[in-house]
């Protein structure tokens, strides 16, 4: 009888701990997914000058940056109509490397950046640290 009681206590303790961990992770996820940021950073790490750089949020709202020099960084305000932003498309053109574009989706947080860089084949690429949920 004593052995059965010990096993029941252990089983209830394990179930209680797993339930608590599950509920905590669920509330943590809900809290994180409810957050959004008001801006995103666009960084030109290529040695080229970029023209007509545009950032499109959620496939609808477009913010035009215009020209960006080599090494330049711009912080772009996300339009109110696009909040919370879940997709970002960065596009533009360069005289030497032609057109470039990058499309990202996921959770956009305070530290989100899109980086424009020069590929080995002398084309421009775009990468981002958007959190893919």
C-alpha atoms as a PDB file:
ATOM      1  CA  UNK A   1       0.000   0.000   0.000  1.00  0.00           C
ATOM      2  CA  UNK A   2       2.811   2.352   0.890  1.00  0.00           C
ATOM      3  CA  UNK A   3       4.570   1.692  -2.445  1.00  0.00           C
ATOM      4  CA  UNK A   4       1.355   2.460  -4.385  1.00  0.00           C
ATOM      5  CA  UNK A   5       0.923   5.736  -2.475  1.00  0.00           C
ATOM      6  CA  UNK A   6       4.514   6.767  -3.265  1.00  0.00           C
ATOM      7  CA  UNK A   7       4.011   6.012  -6.959  1.00  0.00           C
ATOM      8  CA  UNK A   8       0.796   8.071  -7.024  1.00  0.00           C
ATOM      9  CA  UNK A   9       2.518  11.031  -5.361  1.00  0.00           C
ATOM     10  CA  UNK A  10       5.398  10.848  -7.856  1.00  0.00           C
ATOM     11  CA  UNK A  11       2.982  10.573 -10.798  1.00  0.00           C
ATOM     12  CA  UNK A  12       0.921  13.591  -9.655  1.00  0.00           C
ATOM     13  CA  UNK A  13       4.099  15.613  -9.075  1.00  0.00           C
ATOM     14  CA  UNK A  14       5.402  14.857 -12.566  1.00  0.00           C
ATOM     15  CA  UNK A  15       2.023  15.667 -14.149  1.00  0.00           C
ATOM     16  CA  UNK A  16       1.824  18.918 -12.169  1.00  0.00           C
ATOM     17  CA  UNK A  17       5.338  19.967 -13.265  1.00  0.00           C
ATOM     18  CA  UNK A  18       4.711  19.194 -16.936  1.00  0.00           C
ATOM     19  CA  UNK A  19       1.376  21.041 -16.869  1.00  0.00           C
ATOM     20  CA  UNK A  20       3.032  24.054 -15.252  1.00  0.00           C
ATOM     21  CA  UNK A  21       5.837  24.088 -17.825  1.00  0.00           C
ATOM     22  CA  UNK A  22       3.359  23.796 -20.698  1.00  0.00           C
ATOM     23  CA  UNK A  23       1.197  26.656 -19.419  1.00  0.00           C
ATOM     24  CA  UNK A  24       4.241  28.859 -18.798  1.00  0.00           C
ATOM     25  CA  UNK A  25       5.612  28.278 -22.326  1.00  0.00           C
ATOM     26  CA  UNK A  26       2.183  28.929 -23.819  1.00  0.00           C
ATOM     27  CA  UNK A  27       1.813  32.251 -21.974  1.00  0.00           C
ATOM     28  CA  UNK A  28       5.382  33.189 -22.927  1.00  0.00           C
ATOM     29  CA  UNK A  29       4.585  32.508 -26.621  1.00  0.00           C
ATOM     30  CA  UNK A  30       1.335  34.488 -26.498  1.00  0.00           C
ATOM     31  CA  UNK A  31       3.122  37.411 -24.868  1.00  0.00           C
ATOM     32  CA  UNK A  32       5.936  37.379 -27.448  1.00  0.00           C
ATOM     33  CA  UNK A  33       3.632  37.043 -30.448  1.00  0.00           C
ATOM     34  CA  UNK A  34       1.574  39.995 -29.260  1.00  0.00           C
ATOM     35  CA  UNK A  35       4.573  42.317 -29.368  1.00  0.00           C
ATOM     36  CA  UNK A  36       5.528  44.358 -32.383  1.00  0.00           C
ATOM     37  CA  UNK A  37       8.028  47.065 -33.076  1.00  0.00           C
ATOM     38  CA  UNK A  38       7.619  50.448 -34.684  1.00  0.00           C
ATOM     39  CA  UNK A  39      10.739  50.408 -36.871  1.00  0.00           C
ATOM     40  CA  UNK A  40      13.193  48.296 -38.857  1.00  0.00           C
ATOM     41  CA  UNK A  41      16.824  48.980 -39.799  1.00  0.00           C
ATOM     42  CA  UNK A  42      18.037  48.803 -43.409  1.00  0.00           C
ATOM     43  CA  UNK A  43      21.832  48.569 -43.800  1.00  0.00           C
ATOM     44  CA  UNK A  44      23.859  48.819 -47.035  1.00  0.00           C
ATOM     45  CA  UNK A  45      27.093  46.856 -46.528  1.00  0.00           C
ATOM     46  CA  UNK A  46      27.871  46.690 -50.245  1.00  0.00           C
ATOM     47  CA  UNK A  47      30.504  48.988 -51.803  1.00  0.00           C
ATOM     48  CA  UNK A  48      27.856  50.282 -54.216  1.00  0.00           C
ATOM     49  CA  UNK A  49      25.460  53.210 -54.115  1.00  0.00           C
ATOM     50  CA  UNK A  50      21.853  52.020 -54.174  1.00  0.00           C
ATOM     51  CA  UNK A  51      18.934  53.837 -55.778  1.00  0.00           C
ATOM     52  CA  UNK A  52      15.165  53.676 -55.374  1.00  0.00           C
ATOM     53  CA  UNK A  53      15.375  51.523 -52.235  1.00  0.00           C
ATOM     54  CA  UNK A  54      11.870  50.579 -51.098  1.00  0.00           C
ATOM     55  CA  UNK A  55      10.556  48.643 -48.116  1.00  0.00           C
ATOM     56  CA  UNK A  56       7.111  47.051 -48.396  1.00  0.00           C
ATOM     57  CA  UNK A  57       5.288  45.865 -45.270  1.00  0.00           C
ATOM     58  CA  UNK A  58       2.624  43.118 -45.332  1.00  0.00           C
ATOM     59  CA  UNK A  59       2.509  43.302 -49.122  1.00  0.00           C
ATOM     60  CA  UNK A  60       0.721  46.656 -49.086  1.00  0.00           C
ATOM     61  CA  UNK A  61       2.334  49.633 -47.336  1.00  0.00           C
ATOM     62  CA  UNK A  62       5.493  50.859 -49.115  1.00  0.00           C
ATOM     63  CA  UNK A  63       8.101  53.206 -47.663  1.00  0.00           C
ATOM     64  CA  UNK A  64      10.550  54.689 -50.187  1.00  0.00           C
ATOM     65  CA  UNK A  65      14.035  55.318 -48.839  1.00  0.00           C
ATOM     66  CA  UNK A  66      15.533  56.549 -52.098  1.00  0.00           C
ATOM     67  CA  UNK A  67      19.336  56.490 -52.469  1.00  0.00           C
ATOM     68  CA  UNK A  68      21.666  54.823 -49.970  1.00  0.00           C
ATOM     69  CA  UNK A  69      25.439  55.251 -49.891  1.00  0.00           C
ATOM     70  CA  UNK A  70      27.864  52.412 -49.179  1.00  0.00           C
ATOM     71  CA  UNK A  71      27.956  51.679 -45.448  1.00  0.00           C
ATOM     72  CA  UNK A  72      24.813  53.716 -44.767  1.00  0.00           C
ATOM     73  CA  UNK A  73      22.190  52.585 -42.264  1.00  0.00           C
ATOM     74  CA  UNK A  74      18.599  53.840 -42.122  1.00  0.00           C
ATOM     75  CA  UNK A  75      15.960  53.245 -39.478  1.00  0.00           C
ATOM     76  CA  UNK A  76      12.543  53.059 -41.153  1.00  0.00           C
ATOM     77  CA  UNK A  77       9.322  53.753 -39.285  1.00  0.00           C
ATOM     78  CA  UNK A  78       6.696  51.067 -39.913  1.00  0.00           C
ATOM     79  CA  UNK A  79       3.420  52.736 -40.978  1.00  0.00           C
ATOM     80  CA  UNK A  80       0.529  52.413 -38.507  1.00  0.00           C
ATOM     81  CA  UNK A  81      -1.586  50.684 -41.177  1.00  0.00           C
ATOM     82  CA  UNK A  82       1.050  47.918 -41.460  1.00  0.00           C
ATOM     83  CA  UNK A  83       1.342  47.124 -37.736  1.00  0.00           C
ATOM     84  CA  UNK A  84       1.974  44.474 -36.725  1.00  0.00           C
ATOM     85  CA  UNK A  85       4.279  43.883 -39.695  1.00  0.00           C
ATOM     86  CA  UNK A  86       4.768  40.194 -40.455  1.00  0.00           C
ATOM     87  CA  UNK A  87       6.258  40.387 -43.963  1.00  0.00           C
ATOM     88  CA  UNK A  88       8.948  42.712 -45.268  1.00  0.00           C
ATOM     89  CA  UNK A  89      10.136  43.106 -48.846  1.00  0.00           C
ATOM     90  CA  UNK A  90      13.255  45.177 -49.556  1.00  0.00           C
ATOM     91  CA  UNK A  91      14.004  46.117 -53.165  1.00  0.00           C
ATOM     92  CA  UNK A  92      15.990  48.615 -55.190  1.00  0.00           C
ATOM     93  CA  UNK A  93      18.521  49.059 -57.966  1.00  0.00           C
ATOM     94  CA  UNK A  94      22.216  49.757 -58.469  1.00  0.00           C
ATOM     95  CA  UNK A  95      23.904  51.010 -61.638  1.00  0.00           C
ATOM     96  CA  UNK A  96      26.619  48.365 -61.483  1.00  0.00           C
ATOM     97  CA  UNK A  97      24.800  45.334 -60.045  1.00  0.00           C
ATOM     98  CA  UNK A  98      21.249  45.802 -61.319  1.00  0.00           C
ATOM     99  CA  UNK A  99      18.064  45.074 -59.372  1.00  0.00           C
ATOM    100  CA  UNK A 100      17.913  43.397 -55.982  1.00  0.00           C
ATOM    101  CA  UNK A 101      15.100  42.187 -53.747  1.00  0.00           C
ATOM    102  CA  UNK A 102      14.581  40.195 -50.589  1.00  0.00           C
ATOM    103  CA  UNK A 103      11.345  38.933 -49.021  1.00  0.00           C
ATOM    104  CA  UNK A 104      11.108  37.918 -45.361  1.00  0.00           C
ATOM    105  CA  UNK A 105       8.290  36.868 -43.073  1.00  0.00           C
ATOM    106  CA  UNK A 106       8.071  36.179 -39.370  1.00  0.00           C
ATOM    107  CA  UNK A 107       8.186  38.118 -36.117  1.00  0.00           C
ATOM    108  CA  UNK A 108       9.717  41.580 -36.519  1.00  0.00           C
ATOM    109  CA  UNK A 109      11.258  42.753 -33.260  1.00  0.00           C
ATOM    110  CA  UNK A 110      13.268  45.769 -32.090  1.00  0.00           C
ATOM    111  CA  UNK A 111      16.565  44.393 -33.399  1.00  0.00           C
ATOM    112  CA  UNK A 112      15.316  43.393 -36.853  1.00  0.00           C
ATOM    113  CA  UNK A 113      17.625  44.390 -39.699  1.00  0.00           C
ATOM    114  CA  UNK A 114      17.685  43.860 -43.442  1.00  0.00           C
ATOM    115  CA  UNK A 115      21.236  43.877 -44.805  1.00  0.00           C
ATOM    116  CA  UNK A 116      22.032  44.523 -48.474  1.00  0.00           C
ATOM    117  CA  UNK A 117      25.356  42.961 -49.476  1.00  0.00           C
ATOM    118  CA  UNK A 118      27.436  42.168 -52.560  1.00  0.00           C
ATOM    119  CA  UNK A 119      27.506  38.508 -53.640  1.00  0.00           C
ATOM    120  CA  UNK A 120      30.621  36.804 -55.041  1.00  0.00           C
ATOM    121  CA  UNK A 121      29.123  36.961 -58.545  1.00  0.00           C
ATOM    122  CA  UNK A 122      28.816  40.784 -58.202  1.00  0.00           C
ATOM    123  CA  UNK A 123      25.047  40.770 -57.720  1.00  0.00           C
ATOM    124  CA  UNK A 124      23.335  42.281 -54.705  1.00  0.00           C
ATOM    125  CA  UNK A 125      21.708  40.088 -52.074  1.00  0.00           C
ATOM    126  CA  UNK A 126      19.473  40.866 -49.114  1.00  0.00           C
ATOM    127  CA  UNK A 127      19.479  38.998 -45.818  1.00  0.00           C
ATOM    128  CA  UNK A 128      17.573  39.542 -42.604  1.00  0.00           C
ATOM    129  CA  UNK A 129      17.370  38.397 -39.005  1.00  0.00           C
ATOM    130  CA  UNK A 130      13.553  38.180 -39.010  1.00  0.00           C
ATOM    131  CA  UNK A 131      12.454  35.500 -36.529  1.00  0.00           C
ATOM    132  CA  UNK A 132      10.728  32.772 -38.531  1.00  0.00           C
ATOM    133  CA  UNK A 133       7.885  31.436 -36.347  1.00  0.00           C
END
